[in-house]
């Protein structure tokens, strides 16, 4: 992948990665190819557009703090804040959030840094920081969970998830995004939600891709349009249809920090590899649609919900999750032959 300079990246449309001819009139910090892309990005961008003008680089308190977006539970809207970041161990960071008002105490966040590309835009993101669990640090060194995430985070999280399936086409088909248990618990994603997908995303020849087992369960002709590896355990490898049980998530993070329903009550020192082996529900999400391109509602898919983990295991076995480029024909072949 060609490496672009910061100036070249800033000139690209944030939605389609083409040359950006339009600049947002509100903040002047984001570009779009045209009105179609601007309309497509509005639900996400409007959450931050109002505040960006009041948070420029020259307002930085001290050099060690960095600019970030904060989704707090005290206010409904997101806002920019300054962070001081320290690294406790390789790959594991602690962020200290400094509010703009001096009478508030800083909050601590446990995060994991990542180096990744945008699969949606097809360009490198550089250094990206992914929040894995968050909350205030207790006196004993443990971290207190933040509980239910605020509405602003739910909105932007869902918008980012579904952005890869969005299209400028007005003729869209209502499909369903189905998330595995791991992504539901760790990333707070809903089990199933509706996504509008352009008709061009459907394969021209549907017959090899129609999922017989899913169709039989739901009573309507279904196909799987796309599969994504789980974001909760991104470094787990699969070989010959079986998952390897050694921990490859992060060498320095050998314990499971997430109080999930399937692990709650177990000793906190239990290795993550054992948890994955015992609870194989961390295998990603997939996009399901009706083969006849009619609207698919959650009610149509309700009869298959009990088989989500089995379906996820089948396609995860066909993927090497270290590489987002997988063979869709082999994946579909395995899915259509597998019995659930």
C-alpha atoms as a PDB file:
ATOM      1  CA  UNK A   1       0.000   0.000   0.000  1.00  0.00           C
ATOM      2  CA  UNK A   2       1.356   3.408  -1.001  1.00  0.00           C
ATOM      3  CA  UNK A   3       2.228   5.650   1.908  1.00  0.00           C
ATOM      4  CA  UNK A   4       0.667   9.116   1.649  1.00  0.00           C
ATOM      5  CA  UNK A   5       1.790  12.278   3.376  1.00  0.00           C
ATOM      6  CA  UNK A   6      -0.395  14.014   5.933  1.00  0.00           C
ATOM      7  CA  UNK A   7      -1.260  16.757   3.434  1.00  0.00           C
ATOM      8  CA  UNK A   8      -2.226  14.211   0.770  1.00  0.00           C
ATOM      9  CA  UNK A   9      -4.453  12.353   3.241  1.00  0.00           C
ATOM     10  CA  UNK A  10      -6.168  15.569   4.331  1.00  0.00           C
ATOM     11  CA  UNK A  11      -7.144  16.298   0.710  1.00  0.00           C
ATOM     12  CA  UNK A  12      -9.026  13.001   0.316  1.00  0.00           C
ATOM     13  CA  UNK A  13     -12.752  12.495   0.808  1.00  0.00           C
ATOM     14  CA  UNK A  14     -13.322  10.969   4.219  1.00  0.00           C
ATOM     15  CA  UNK A  15     -16.083   8.708   2.854  1.00  0.00           C
ATOM     16  CA  UNK A  16     -14.806   7.338  -0.468  1.00  0.00           C
ATOM     17  CA  UNK A  17     -11.035   8.052  -0.454  1.00  0.00           C
ATOM     18  CA  UNK A  18     -11.241  10.046  -3.700  1.00  0.00           C
ATOM     19  CA  UNK A  19     -10.085  13.638  -4.180  1.00  0.00           C
ATOM     20  CA  UNK A  20     -12.071  15.912  -1.878  1.00  0.00           C
ATOM     21  CA  UNK A  21     -13.567  18.868  -3.743  1.00  0.00           C
ATOM     22  CA  UNK A  22     -15.785  20.130  -0.911  1.00  0.00           C
ATOM     23  CA  UNK A  23     -14.749  21.277   2.569  1.00  0.00           C
ATOM     24  CA  UNK A  24     -17.117  21.260   5.517  1.00  0.00           C
ATOM     25  CA  UNK A  25     -18.297  24.827   6.012  1.00  0.00           C
ATOM     26  CA  UNK A  26     -18.809  24.327   9.740  1.00  0.00           C
ATOM     27  CA  UNK A  27     -15.340  23.258  10.872  1.00  0.00           C
ATOM     28  CA  UNK A  28     -13.194  23.426   7.727  1.00  0.00           C
ATOM     29  CA  UNK A  29     -11.329  20.304   8.810  1.00  0.00           C
ATOM     30  CA  UNK A  30     -12.872  17.565   6.670  1.00  0.00           C
ATOM     31  CA  UNK A  31     -13.279  17.114   2.920  1.00  0.00           C
ATOM     32  CA  UNK A  32     -15.801  15.338   0.696  1.00  0.00           C
ATOM     33  CA  UNK A  33     -15.847  14.362  -2.985  1.00  0.00           C
ATOM     34  CA  UNK A  34     -19.335  15.792  -3.461  1.00  0.00           C
ATOM     35  CA  UNK A  35     -22.733  16.390  -1.907  1.00  0.00           C
ATOM     36  CA  UNK A  36     -23.524  12.667  -1.897  1.00  0.00           C
ATOM     37  CA  UNK A  37     -20.529  11.818   0.278  1.00  0.00           C
ATOM     38  CA  UNK A  38     -21.182  14.798   2.506  1.00  0.00           C
ATOM     39  CA  UNK A  39     -24.761  13.649   3.129  1.00  0.00           C
ATOM     40  CA  UNK A  40     -23.501  10.136   3.803  1.00  0.00           C
ATOM     41  CA  UNK A  41     -21.026  11.326   6.437  1.00  0.00           C
ATOM     42  CA  UNK A  42     -23.271  13.843   8.156  1.00  0.00           C
ATOM     43  CA  UNK A  43     -24.709  11.560  10.905  1.00  0.00           C
ATOM     44  CA  UNK A  44     -21.185  10.889  12.197  1.00  0.00           C
ATOM     45  CA  UNK A  45     -19.532  14.242  11.527  1.00  0.00           C
ATOM     46  CA  UNK A  46     -22.234  16.402  13.087  1.00  0.00           C
ATOM     47  CA  UNK A  47     -21.396  14.930  16.506  1.00  0.00           C
ATOM     48  CA  UNK A  48     -18.064  16.764  16.467  1.00  0.00           C
ATOM     49  CA  UNK A  49     -18.364  19.545  13.913  1.00  0.00           C
ATOM     50  CA  UNK A  50     -19.642  22.108  16.421  1.00  0.00           C
ATOM     51  CA  UNK A  51     -16.701  21.753  18.796  1.00  0.00           C
ATOM     52  CA  UNK A  52     -13.672  21.399  16.522  1.00  0.00           C
ATOM     53  CA  UNK A  53     -13.293  25.150  15.948  1.00  0.00           C
ATOM     54  CA  UNK A  54     -12.875  25.694  19.685  1.00  0.00           C
ATOM     55  CA  UNK A  55     -10.179  23.071  20.057  1.00  0.00           C
ATOM     56  CA  UNK A  56      -7.249  23.968  17.825  1.00  0.00           C
ATOM     57  CA  UNK A  57      -3.619  22.920  18.215  1.00  0.00           C
ATOM     58  CA  UNK A  58      -2.582  26.245  19.739  1.00  0.00           C
ATOM     59  CA  UNK A  59      -4.841  25.506  22.735  1.00  0.00           C
ATOM     60  CA  UNK A  60      -2.750  22.498  23.801  1.00  0.00           C
ATOM     61  CA  UNK A  61      -2.001  22.886  27.555  1.00  0.00           C
ATOM     62  CA  UNK A  62       1.404  21.177  27.534  1.00  0.00           C
ATOM     63  CA  UNK A  63       3.325  19.232  24.926  1.00  0.00           C
ATOM     64  CA  UNK A  64       2.819  15.790  26.497  1.00  0.00           C
ATOM     65  CA  UNK A  65      -0.959  15.919  26.086  1.00  0.00           C
ATOM     66  CA  UNK A  66      -2.732  14.847  22.926  1.00  0.00           C
ATOM     67  CA  UNK A  67      -6.111  15.753  21.441  1.00  0.00           C
ATOM     68  CA  UNK A  68      -8.863  13.097  21.581  1.00  0.00           C
ATOM     69  CA  UNK A  69     -12.618  12.618  21.385  1.00  0.00           C
ATOM     70  CA  UNK A  70     -14.408  11.911  24.666  1.00  0.00           C
ATOM     71  CA  UNK A  71     -17.738  10.116  25.029  1.00  0.00           C
ATOM     72  CA  UNK A  72     -18.604  10.792  28.640  1.00  0.00           C
ATOM     73  CA  UNK A  73     -21.589   9.554  30.610  1.00  0.00           C
ATOM     74  CA  UNK A  74     -22.101  12.969  32.160  1.00  0.00           C
ATOM     75  CA  UNK A  75     -23.174  14.730  28.949  1.00  0.00           C
ATOM     76  CA  UNK A  76     -25.189  13.425  25.972  1.00  0.00           C
ATOM     77  CA  UNK A  77     -22.846  14.856  23.332  1.00  0.00           C
ATOM     78  CA  UNK A  78     -19.251  13.948  22.543  1.00  0.00           C
ATOM     79  CA  UNK A  79     -16.494  16.535  22.925  1.00  0.00           C
ATOM     80  CA  UNK A  80     -12.760  17.055  22.502  1.00  0.00           C
ATOM     81  CA  UNK A  81     -10.481  16.669  25.505  1.00  0.00           C
ATOM     82  CA  UNK A  82      -6.738  16.542  26.266  1.00  0.00           C
ATOM     83  CA  UNK A  83      -5.086  13.274  27.267  1.00  0.00           C
ATOM     84  CA  UNK A  84      -1.803  12.407  28.942  1.00  0.00           C
ATOM     85  CA  UNK A  85      -0.800   8.893  27.835  1.00  0.00           C
ATOM     86  CA  UNK A  86       1.615   6.594  29.654  1.00  0.00           C
ATOM     87  CA  UNK A  87       2.655   3.062  28.702  1.00  0.00           C
ATOM     88  CA  UNK A  88       2.530   0.549  31.560  1.00  0.00           C
ATOM     89  CA  UNK A  89       3.668  -2.391  29.394  1.00  0.00           C
ATOM     90  CA  UNK A  90       4.262  -2.986  25.667  1.00  0.00           C
ATOM     91  CA  UNK A  91       0.996  -2.436  23.844  1.00  0.00           C
ATOM     92  CA  UNK A  92      -0.974  -1.461  26.968  1.00  0.00           C
ATOM     93  CA  UNK A  93      -1.515   2.225  27.689  1.00  0.00           C
ATOM     94  CA  UNK A  94      -3.143   4.218  30.442  1.00  0.00           C
ATOM     95  CA  UNK A  95      -4.838   7.447  29.437  1.00  0.00           C
ATOM     96  CA  UNK A  96      -5.397  10.213  31.956  1.00  0.00           C
ATOM     97  CA  UNK A  97      -8.282  12.388  30.830  1.00  0.00           C
ATOM     98  CA  UNK A  98      -7.949  16.062  31.721  1.00  0.00           C
ATOM     99  CA  UNK A  99     -11.270  17.963  31.601  1.00  0.00           C
ATOM    100  CA  UNK A 100     -11.279  21.577  30.529  1.00  0.00           C
ATOM    101  CA  UNK A 101     -12.620  22.664  33.919  1.00  0.00           C
ATOM    102  CA  UNK A 102     -10.069  22.493  36.795  1.00  0.00           C
ATOM    103  CA  UNK A 103     -12.591  21.423  39.439  1.00  0.00           C
ATOM    104  CA  UNK A 104     -13.024  17.954  37.900  1.00  0.00           C
ATOM    105  CA  UNK A 105     -10.691  15.079  38.689  1.00  0.00           C
ATOM    106  CA  UNK A 106      -8.871  13.301  35.830  1.00  0.00           C
ATOM    107  CA  UNK A 107     -10.276   9.912  34.804  1.00  0.00           C
ATOM    108  CA  UNK A 108      -8.176   6.866  33.883  1.00  0.00           C
ATOM    109  CA  UNK A 109      -8.671   4.678  30.810  1.00  0.00           C
ATOM    110  CA  UNK A 110      -7.016   1.346  30.011  1.00  0.00           C
ATOM    111  CA  UNK A 111      -6.412   1.058  26.270  1.00  0.00           C
ATOM    112  CA  UNK A 112      -4.479  -0.950  23.712  1.00  0.00           C
ATOM    113  CA  UNK A 113      -2.633   0.728  20.852  1.00  0.00           C
ATOM    114  CA  UNK A 114      -2.796  -0.716  17.386  1.00  0.00           C
ATOM    115  CA  UNK A 115      -1.231  -0.121  13.988  1.00  0.00           C
ATOM    116  CA  UNK A 116      -3.774  -0.736  11.287  1.00  0.00           C
ATOM    117  CA  UNK A 117      -5.197   0.221   7.909  1.00  0.00           C
ATOM    118  CA  UNK A 118      -8.741   1.300   7.195  1.00  0.00           C
ATOM    119  CA  UNK A 119     -10.395  -1.569   5.376  1.00  0.00           C
ATOM    120  CA  UNK A 120     -13.193   0.808   4.392  1.00  0.00           C
ATOM    121  CA  UNK A 121     -11.036   3.569   2.937  1.00  0.00           C
ATOM    122  CA  UNK A 122      -8.129   1.353   1.907  1.00  0.00           C
ATOM    123  CA  UNK A 123      -5.439   3.606   3.329  1.00  0.00           C
ATOM    124  CA  UNK A 124      -3.185   3.509   6.399  1.00  0.00           C
ATOM    125  CA  UNK A 125      -4.425   5.136   9.576  1.00  0.00           C
ATOM    126  CA  UNK A 126      -1.002   5.311  11.205  1.00  0.00           C
ATOM    127  CA  UNK A 127      -1.099   4.985  14.975  1.00  0.00           C
ATOM    128  CA  UNK A 128      -4.603   4.099  16.117  1.00  0.00           C
ATOM    129  CA  UNK A 129      -5.663   3.645  19.734  1.00  0.00           C
ATOM    130  CA  UNK A 130      -8.473   1.233  20.541  1.00  0.00           C
ATOM    131  CA  UNK A 131     -10.160   1.434  23.952  1.00  0.00           C
ATOM    132  CA  UNK A 132     -10.582  -2.130  25.215  1.00  0.00           C
ATOM    133  CA  UNK A 133     -11.934  -1.414  28.688  1.00  0.00           C
ATOM    134  CA  UNK A 134     -12.225   1.805  30.585  1.00  0.00           C
ATOM    135  CA  UNK A 135     -12.943   3.268  33.975  1.00  0.00           C
ATOM    136  CA  UNK A 136     -11.313   4.819  36.999  1.00  0.00           C
ATOM    137  CA  UNK A 137      -8.278   3.219  38.569  1.00  0.00           C
ATOM    138  CA  UNK A 138      -8.830   1.869  42.081  1.00  0.00           C
ATOM    139  CA  UNK A 139      -6.280   2.088  44.899  1.00  0.00           C
ATOM    140  CA  UNK A 140      -5.341  -1.575  44.438  1.00  0.00           C
ATOM    141  CA  UNK A 141      -4.421  -0.971  40.768  1.00  0.00           C
ATOM    142  CA  UNK A 142      -7.543  -2.536  39.262  1.00  0.00           C
ATOM    143  CA  UNK A 143      -9.983  -0.627  37.078  1.00  0.00           C
ATOM    144  CA  UNK A 144     -13.623   0.082  37.756  1.00  0.00           C
ATOM    145  CA  UNK A 145     -15.894  -0.403  34.738  1.00  0.00           C
ATOM    146  CA  UNK A 146     -17.873   2.545  33.403  1.00  0.00           C
ATOM    147  CA  UNK A 147     -21.120   0.573  33.046  1.00  0.00           C
ATOM    148  CA  UNK A 148     -23.544   1.476  30.268  1.00  0.00           C
ATOM    149  CA  UNK A 149     -21.937   3.513  27.496  1.00  0.00           C
ATOM    150  CA  UNK A 150     -23.490   6.905  26.718  1.00  0.00           C
ATOM    151  CA  UNK A 151     -25.864   7.409  23.790  1.00  0.00           C
ATOM    152  CA  UNK A 152     -23.305   9.466  21.870  1.00  0.00           C
ATOM    153  CA  UNK A 153     -20.870   6.527  21.875  1.00  0.00           C
ATOM    154  CA  UNK A 154     -23.571   4.061  20.788  1.00  0.00           C
ATOM    155  CA  UNK A 155     -24.407   6.355  17.867  1.00  0.00           C
ATOM    156  CA  UNK A 156     -20.858   6.806  16.626  1.00  0.00           C
ATOM    157  CA  UNK A 157     -19.931   3.171  17.259  1.00  0.00           C
ATOM    158  CA  UNK A 158     -22.833   1.914  15.157  1.00  0.00           C
ATOM    159  CA  UNK A 159     -22.117   4.487  12.459  1.00  0.00           C
ATOM    160  CA  UNK A 160     -18.477   3.437  12.161  1.00  0.00           C
ATOM    161  CA  UNK A 161     -19.415  -0.247  12.074  1.00  0.00           C
ATOM    162  CA  UNK A 162     -21.948   0.190   9.296  1.00  0.00           C
ATOM    163  CA  UNK A 163     -19.953   2.702   7.265  1.00  0.00           C
ATOM    164  CA  UNK A 164     -18.246  -0.057   5.294  1.00  0.00           C
ATOM    165  CA  UNK A 165     -21.584  -1.202   3.941  1.00  0.00           C
ATOM    166  CA  UNK A 166     -22.907   2.212   3.012  1.00  0.00           C
ATOM    167  CA  UNK A 167     -23.378   3.325  -0.555  1.00  0.00           C
ATOM    168  CA  UNK A 168     -24.249   6.498  -2.459  1.00  0.00           C
ATOM    169  CA  UNK A 169     -26.880   4.512  -4.320  1.00  0.00           C
ATOM    170  CA  UNK A 170     -30.406   5.506  -3.450  1.00  0.00           C
ATOM    171  CA  UNK A 171     -31.680   2.021  -4.310  1.00  0.00           C
ATOM    172  CA  UNK A 172     -30.725   0.105  -1.167  1.00  0.00           C
ATOM    173  CA  UNK A 173     -31.704  -3.199   0.377  1.00  0.00           C
ATOM    174  CA  UNK A 174     -32.295  -3.558   4.121  1.00  0.00           C
ATOM    175  CA  UNK A 175     -29.962  -6.280   5.450  1.00  0.00           C
ATOM    176  CA  UNK A 176     -28.855  -7.429   8.900  1.00  0.00           C
ATOM    177  CA  UNK A 177     -25.470  -7.138  10.584  1.00  0.00           C
ATOM    178  CA  UNK A 178     -25.026 -10.047  13.028  1.00  0.00           C
ATOM    179  CA  UNK A 179     -22.331  -9.763  15.714  1.00  0.00           C
ATOM    180  CA  UNK A 180     -20.748 -12.560  17.718  1.00  0.00           C
ATOM    181  CA  UNK A 181     -20.917 -12.658  21.512  1.00  0.00           C
ATOM    182  CA  UNK A 182     -17.336 -11.432  21.870  1.00  0.00           C
ATOM    183  CA  UNK A 183     -17.994  -8.252  19.904  1.00  0.00           C
ATOM    184  CA  UNK A 184     -21.303  -7.747  21.706  1.00  0.00           C
ATOM    185  CA  UNK A 185     -19.675  -7.878  25.148  1.00  0.00           C
ATOM    186  CA  UNK A 186     -16.289  -6.289  24.543  1.00  0.00           C
ATOM    187  CA  UNK A 187     -17.306  -3.630  22.002  1.00  0.00           C
ATOM    188  CA  UNK A 188     -20.902  -3.121  23.155  1.00  0.00           C
ATOM    189  CA  UNK A 189     -22.294  -4.003  19.726  1.00  0.00           C
ATOM    190  CA  UNK A 190     -25.927  -5.129  19.411  1.00  0.00           C
ATOM    191  CA  UNK A 191     -26.574  -8.789  18.485  1.00  0.00           C
ATOM    192  CA  UNK A 192     -28.411  -7.794  15.286  1.00  0.00           C
ATOM    193  CA  UNK A 193     -29.219  -4.473  13.649  1.00  0.00           C
ATOM    194  CA  UNK A 194     -30.456  -3.301  10.260  1.00  0.00           C
ATOM    195  CA  UNK A 195     -28.095  -1.889   7.616  1.00  0.00           C
ATOM    196  CA  UNK A 196     -28.941  -0.418   4.207  1.00  0.00           C
ATOM    197  CA  UNK A 197     -26.772  -1.949   1.465  1.00  0.00           C
ATOM    198  CA  UNK A 198     -26.581  -0.898  -2.186  1.00  0.00           C
ATOM    199  CA  UNK A 199     -27.679  -3.479  -4.739  1.00  0.00           C
ATOM    200  CA  UNK A 200     -24.220  -3.441  -6.320  1.00  0.00           C
ATOM    201  CA  UNK A 201     -22.907  -5.285  -3.240  1.00  0.00           C
ATOM    202  CA  UNK A 202     -24.889  -8.385  -4.203  1.00  0.00           C
ATOM    203  CA  UNK A 203     -23.059 -10.987  -6.326  1.00  0.00           C
ATOM    204  CA  UNK A 204     -24.350 -11.314  -9.886  1.00  0.00           C
ATOM    205  CA  UNK A 205     -24.715 -15.069  -9.568  1.00  0.00           C
ATOM    206  CA  UNK A 206     -26.516 -15.782  -6.317  1.00  0.00           C
ATOM    207  CA  UNK A 207     -26.805 -19.541  -6.620  1.00  0.00           C
ATOM    208  CA  UNK A 208     -23.288 -20.441  -5.327  1.00  0.00           C
ATOM    209  CA  UNK A 209     -23.632 -18.020  -2.428  1.00  0.00           C
ATOM    210  CA  UNK A 210     -27.086 -18.842  -1.127  1.00  0.00           C
ATOM    211  CA  UNK A 211     -26.785 -20.268   2.364  1.00  0.00           C
ATOM    212  CA  UNK A 212     -28.979 -23.370   2.423  1.00  0.00           C
ATOM    213  CA  UNK A 213     -28.808 -23.902   6.193  1.00  0.00           C
ATOM    214  CA  UNK A 214     -29.646 -20.286   7.008  1.00  0.00           C
ATOM    215  CA  UNK A 215     -32.473 -20.248   4.462  1.00  0.00           C
ATOM    216  CA  UNK A 216     -33.980 -23.415   5.905  1.00  0.00           C
ATOM    217  CA  UNK A 217     -33.884 -22.007   9.452  1.00  0.00           C
ATOM    218  CA  UNK A 218     -35.402 -18.656   8.510  1.00  0.00           C
ATOM    219  CA  UNK A 219     -37.866 -19.872   5.901  1.00  0.00           C
ATOM    220  CA  UNK A 220     -36.662 -17.232   3.407  1.00  0.00           C
ATOM    221  CA  UNK A 221     -33.764 -17.352   0.881  1.00  0.00           C
ATOM    222  CA  UNK A 222     -30.710 -15.884   2.620  1.00  0.00           C
ATOM    223  CA  UNK A 223     -27.139 -15.139   1.554  1.00  0.00           C
ATOM    224  CA  UNK A 224     -24.053 -13.908   3.408  1.00  0.00           C
ATOM    225  CA  UNK A 225     -22.684 -10.780   1.736  1.00  0.00           C
ATOM    226  CA  UNK A 226     -19.677 -10.133   3.934  1.00  0.00           C
ATOM    227  CA  UNK A 227     -17.764 -11.542   6.893  1.00  0.00           C
ATOM    228  CA  UNK A 228     -15.496  -9.684   9.323  1.00  0.00           C
ATOM    229  CA  UNK A 229     -13.156 -11.210  11.892  1.00  0.00           C
ATOM    230  CA  UNK A 230     -13.879 -10.361  15.503  1.00  0.00           C
ATOM    231  CA  UNK A 231     -12.460  -7.101  16.811  1.00  0.00           C
ATOM    232  CA  UNK A 232     -12.334  -8.498  20.342  1.00  0.00           C
ATOM    233  CA  UNK A 233      -9.596 -11.079  19.672  1.00  0.00           C
ATOM    234  CA  UNK A 234      -7.898  -9.849  16.499  1.00  0.00           C
ATOM    235  CA  UNK A 235      -4.660 -11.831  16.749  1.00  0.00           C
ATOM    236  CA  UNK A 236      -6.075 -15.330  17.139  1.00  0.00           C
ATOM    237  CA  UNK A 237      -5.078 -17.731  14.332  1.00  0.00           C
ATOM    238  CA  UNK A 238      -6.987 -20.609  12.827  1.00  0.00           C
ATOM    239  CA  UNK A 239      -5.509 -23.685  11.147  1.00  0.00           C
ATOM    240  CA  UNK A 240      -7.385 -26.476   9.408  1.00  0.00           C
ATOM    241  CA  UNK A 241     -10.686 -25.388  10.891  1.00  0.00           C
ATOM    242  CA  UNK A 242      -9.481 -25.473  14.482  1.00  0.00           C
ATOM    243  CA  UNK A 243      -8.414 -22.551  16.615  1.00  0.00           C
ATOM    244  CA  UNK A 244      -4.991 -22.499  18.248  1.00  0.00           C
ATOM    245  CA  UNK A 245      -5.192 -22.049  21.995  1.00  0.00           C
ATOM    246  CA  UNK A 246      -1.987 -20.201  22.768  1.00  0.00           C
ATOM    247  CA  UNK A 247      -2.491 -16.535  23.552  1.00  0.00           C
ATOM    248  CA  UNK A 248      -1.491 -14.342  20.603  1.00  0.00           C
ATOM    249  CA  UNK A 249      -3.663 -11.373  21.465  1.00  0.00           C
ATOM    250  CA  UNK A 250      -0.929  -9.417  23.205  1.00  0.00           C
ATOM    251  CA  UNK A 251       2.236 -10.927  24.738  1.00  0.00           C
ATOM    252  CA  UNK A 252       2.066  -8.625  27.753  1.00  0.00           C
ATOM    253  CA  UNK A 253      -1.690  -9.046  28.284  1.00  0.00           C
ATOM    254  CA  UNK A 254      -1.997 -12.623  29.514  1.00  0.00           C
ATOM    255  CA  UNK A 255      -5.166 -12.251  31.569  1.00  0.00           C
ATOM    256  CA  UNK A 256      -8.727 -11.634  30.540  1.00  0.00           C
ATOM    257  CA  UNK A 257      -9.682  -8.079  31.651  1.00  0.00           C
ATOM    258  CA  UNK A 258     -13.286  -8.219  30.468  1.00  0.00           C
ATOM    259  CA  UNK A 259     -16.058  -9.150  32.958  1.00  0.00           C
ATOM    260  CA  UNK A 260     -18.203 -10.877  30.330  1.00  0.00           C
ATOM    261  CA  UNK A 261     -21.293 -12.988  31.113  1.00  0.00           C
ATOM    262  CA  UNK A 262     -19.416 -16.130  30.058  1.00  0.00           C
ATOM    263  CA  UNK A 263     -16.369 -15.426  32.244  1.00  0.00           C
ATOM    264  CA  UNK A 264     -17.902 -13.619  35.212  1.00  0.00           C
ATOM    265  CA  UNK A 265     -17.236 -15.427  38.442  1.00  0.00           C
ATOM    266  CA  UNK A 266     -14.102 -17.164  37.213  1.00  0.00           C
ATOM    267  CA  UNK A 267     -10.755 -16.395  38.844  1.00  0.00           C
ATOM    268  CA  UNK A 268      -9.327 -13.162  37.362  1.00  0.00           C
ATOM    269  CA  UNK A 269      -5.963 -14.858  36.869  1.00  0.00           C
ATOM    270  CA  UNK A 270      -7.294 -17.418  34.375  1.00  0.00           C
ATOM    271  CA  UNK A 271      -5.418 -17.129  31.048  1.00  0.00           C
ATOM    272  CA  UNK A 272      -7.322 -15.753  28.087  1.00  0.00           C
ATOM    273  CA  UNK A 273      -6.366 -18.732  25.944  1.00  0.00           C
ATOM    274  CA  UNK A 274      -8.302 -21.065  28.249  1.00  0.00           C
ATOM    275  CA  UNK A 275     -11.296 -18.740  28.221  1.00  0.00           C
ATOM    276  CA  UNK A 276     -11.364 -18.720  24.429  1.00  0.00           C
ATOM    277  CA  UNK A 277     -11.064 -22.492  24.360  1.00  0.00           C
ATOM    278  CA  UNK A 278     -13.946 -22.910  26.798  1.00  0.00           C
ATOM    279  CA  UNK A 279     -16.122 -20.154  25.347  1.00  0.00           C
ATOM    280  CA  UNK A 280     -15.627 -20.084  21.547  1.00  0.00           C
ATOM    281  CA  UNK A 281     -17.857 -17.093  20.849  1.00  0.00           C
ATOM    282  CA  UNK A 282     -15.312 -14.540  19.658  1.00  0.00           C
ATOM    283  CA  UNK A 283     -15.287 -15.045  15.919  1.00  0.00           C
ATOM    284  CA  UNK A 284     -16.666 -11.898  14.331  1.00  0.00           C
ATOM    285  CA  UNK A 285     -19.698 -10.638  12.442  1.00  0.00           C
ATOM    286  CA  UNK A 286     -21.366 -11.188   9.123  1.00  0.00           C
ATOM    287  CA  UNK A 287     -23.812  -9.365   6.854  1.00  0.00           C
ATOM    288  CA  UNK A 288     -26.937 -11.352   5.975  1.00  0.00           C
ATOM    289  CA  UNK A 289     -29.384 -10.434   3.205  1.00  0.00           C
ATOM    290  CA  UNK A 290     -32.337 -11.941   1.377  1.00  0.00           C
ATOM    291  CA  UNK A 291     -31.268 -13.513  -1.894  1.00  0.00           C
ATOM    292  CA  UNK A 292     -34.331 -12.002  -3.609  1.00  0.00           C
ATOM    293  CA  UNK A 293     -33.157  -8.523  -2.478  1.00  0.00           C
ATOM    294  CA  UNK A 294     -36.265  -7.878  -0.418  1.00  0.00           C
ATOM    295  CA  UNK A 295     -36.106  -6.236   2.989  1.00  0.00           C
ATOM    296  CA  UNK A 296     -34.795  -8.500   5.756  1.00  0.00           C
ATOM    297  CA  UNK A 297     -36.034  -7.732   9.247  1.00  0.00           C
ATOM    298  CA  UNK A 298     -34.778  -9.087  12.590  1.00  0.00           C
ATOM    299  CA  UNK A 299     -38.019 -11.075  12.865  1.00  0.00           C
ATOM    300  CA  UNK A 300     -37.135 -12.966   9.667  1.00  0.00           C
ATOM    301  CA  UNK A 301     -33.801 -13.919  11.202  1.00  0.00           C
ATOM    302  CA  UNK A 302     -35.071 -14.728  14.707  1.00  0.00           C
ATOM    303  CA  UNK A 303     -35.211 -18.486  14.133  1.00  0.00           C
ATOM    304  CA  UNK A 304     -31.491 -18.593  13.289  1.00  0.00           C
ATOM    305  CA  UNK A 305     -30.264 -16.620  16.309  1.00  0.00           C
ATOM    306  CA  UNK A 306     -29.478 -19.780  18.280  1.00  0.00           C
ATOM    307  CA  UNK A 307     -27.023 -20.846  15.565  1.00  0.00           C
ATOM    308  CA  UNK A 308     -24.981 -17.646  15.281  1.00  0.00           C
ATOM    309  CA  UNK A 309     -21.947 -18.998  17.120  1.00  0.00           C
ATOM    310  CA  UNK A 310     -21.891 -22.191  15.040  1.00  0.00           C
ATOM    311  CA  UNK A 311     -22.090 -20.186  11.819  1.00  0.00           C
ATOM    312  CA  UNK A 312     -19.359 -17.881  13.084  1.00  0.00           C
ATOM    313  CA  UNK A 313     -17.089 -20.826  13.872  1.00  0.00           C
ATOM    314  CA  UNK A 314     -17.512 -22.129  10.334  1.00  0.00           C
ATOM    315  CA  UNK A 315     -16.499 -18.943   8.571  1.00  0.00           C
ATOM    316  CA  UNK A 316     -13.795 -18.097  11.112  1.00  0.00           C
ATOM    317  CA  UNK A 317     -12.180 -21.435  10.336  1.00  0.00           C
ATOM    318  CA  UNK A 318     -12.001 -20.431   6.674  1.00  0.00           C
ATOM    319  CA  UNK A 319     -10.267 -17.143   7.482  1.00  0.00           C
ATOM    320  CA  UNK A 320      -6.761 -16.285   8.516  1.00  0.00           C
ATOM    321  CA  UNK A 321      -7.594 -13.395  10.820  1.00  0.00           C
ATOM    322  CA  UNK A 322      -4.101 -11.945  10.528  1.00  0.00           C
ATOM    323  CA  UNK A 323      -5.001 -11.124   6.925  1.00  0.00           C
ATOM    324  CA  UNK A 324      -8.259  -9.406   6.016  1.00  0.00           C
ATOM    325  CA  UNK A 325      -7.953 -10.741   2.455  1.00  0.00           C
ATOM    326  CA  UNK A 326      -9.632 -14.140   2.483  1.00  0.00           C
ATOM    327  CA  UNK A 327     -11.017 -16.377  -0.262  1.00  0.00           C
ATOM    328  CA  UNK A 328     -14.790 -15.729  -0.377  1.00  0.00           C
ATOM    329  CA  UNK A 329     -15.456 -18.716  -2.630  1.00  0.00           C
ATOM    330  CA  UNK A 330     -13.826 -21.085  -0.144  1.00  0.00           C
ATOM    331  CA  UNK A 331     -15.693 -19.393   2.677  1.00  0.00           C
ATOM    332  CA  UNK A 332     -19.084 -19.704   1.012  1.00  0.00           C
ATOM    333  CA  UNK A 333     -18.342 -23.305   0.029  1.00  0.00           C
ATOM    334  CA  UNK A 334     -17.635 -24.192   3.648  1.00  0.00           C
ATOM    335  CA  UNK A 335     -20.725 -22.387   4.887  1.00  0.00           C
ATOM    336  CA  UNK A 336     -23.074 -24.079   2.442  1.00  0.00           C
ATOM    337  CA  UNK A 337     -21.691 -27.537   3.259  1.00  0.00           C
ATOM    338  CA  UNK A 338     -21.671 -27.092   7.031  1.00  0.00           C
ATOM    339  CA  UNK A 339     -24.613 -28.423   9.048  1.00  0.00           C
ATOM    340  CA  UNK A 340     -25.721 -26.475  12.094  1.00  0.00           C
END
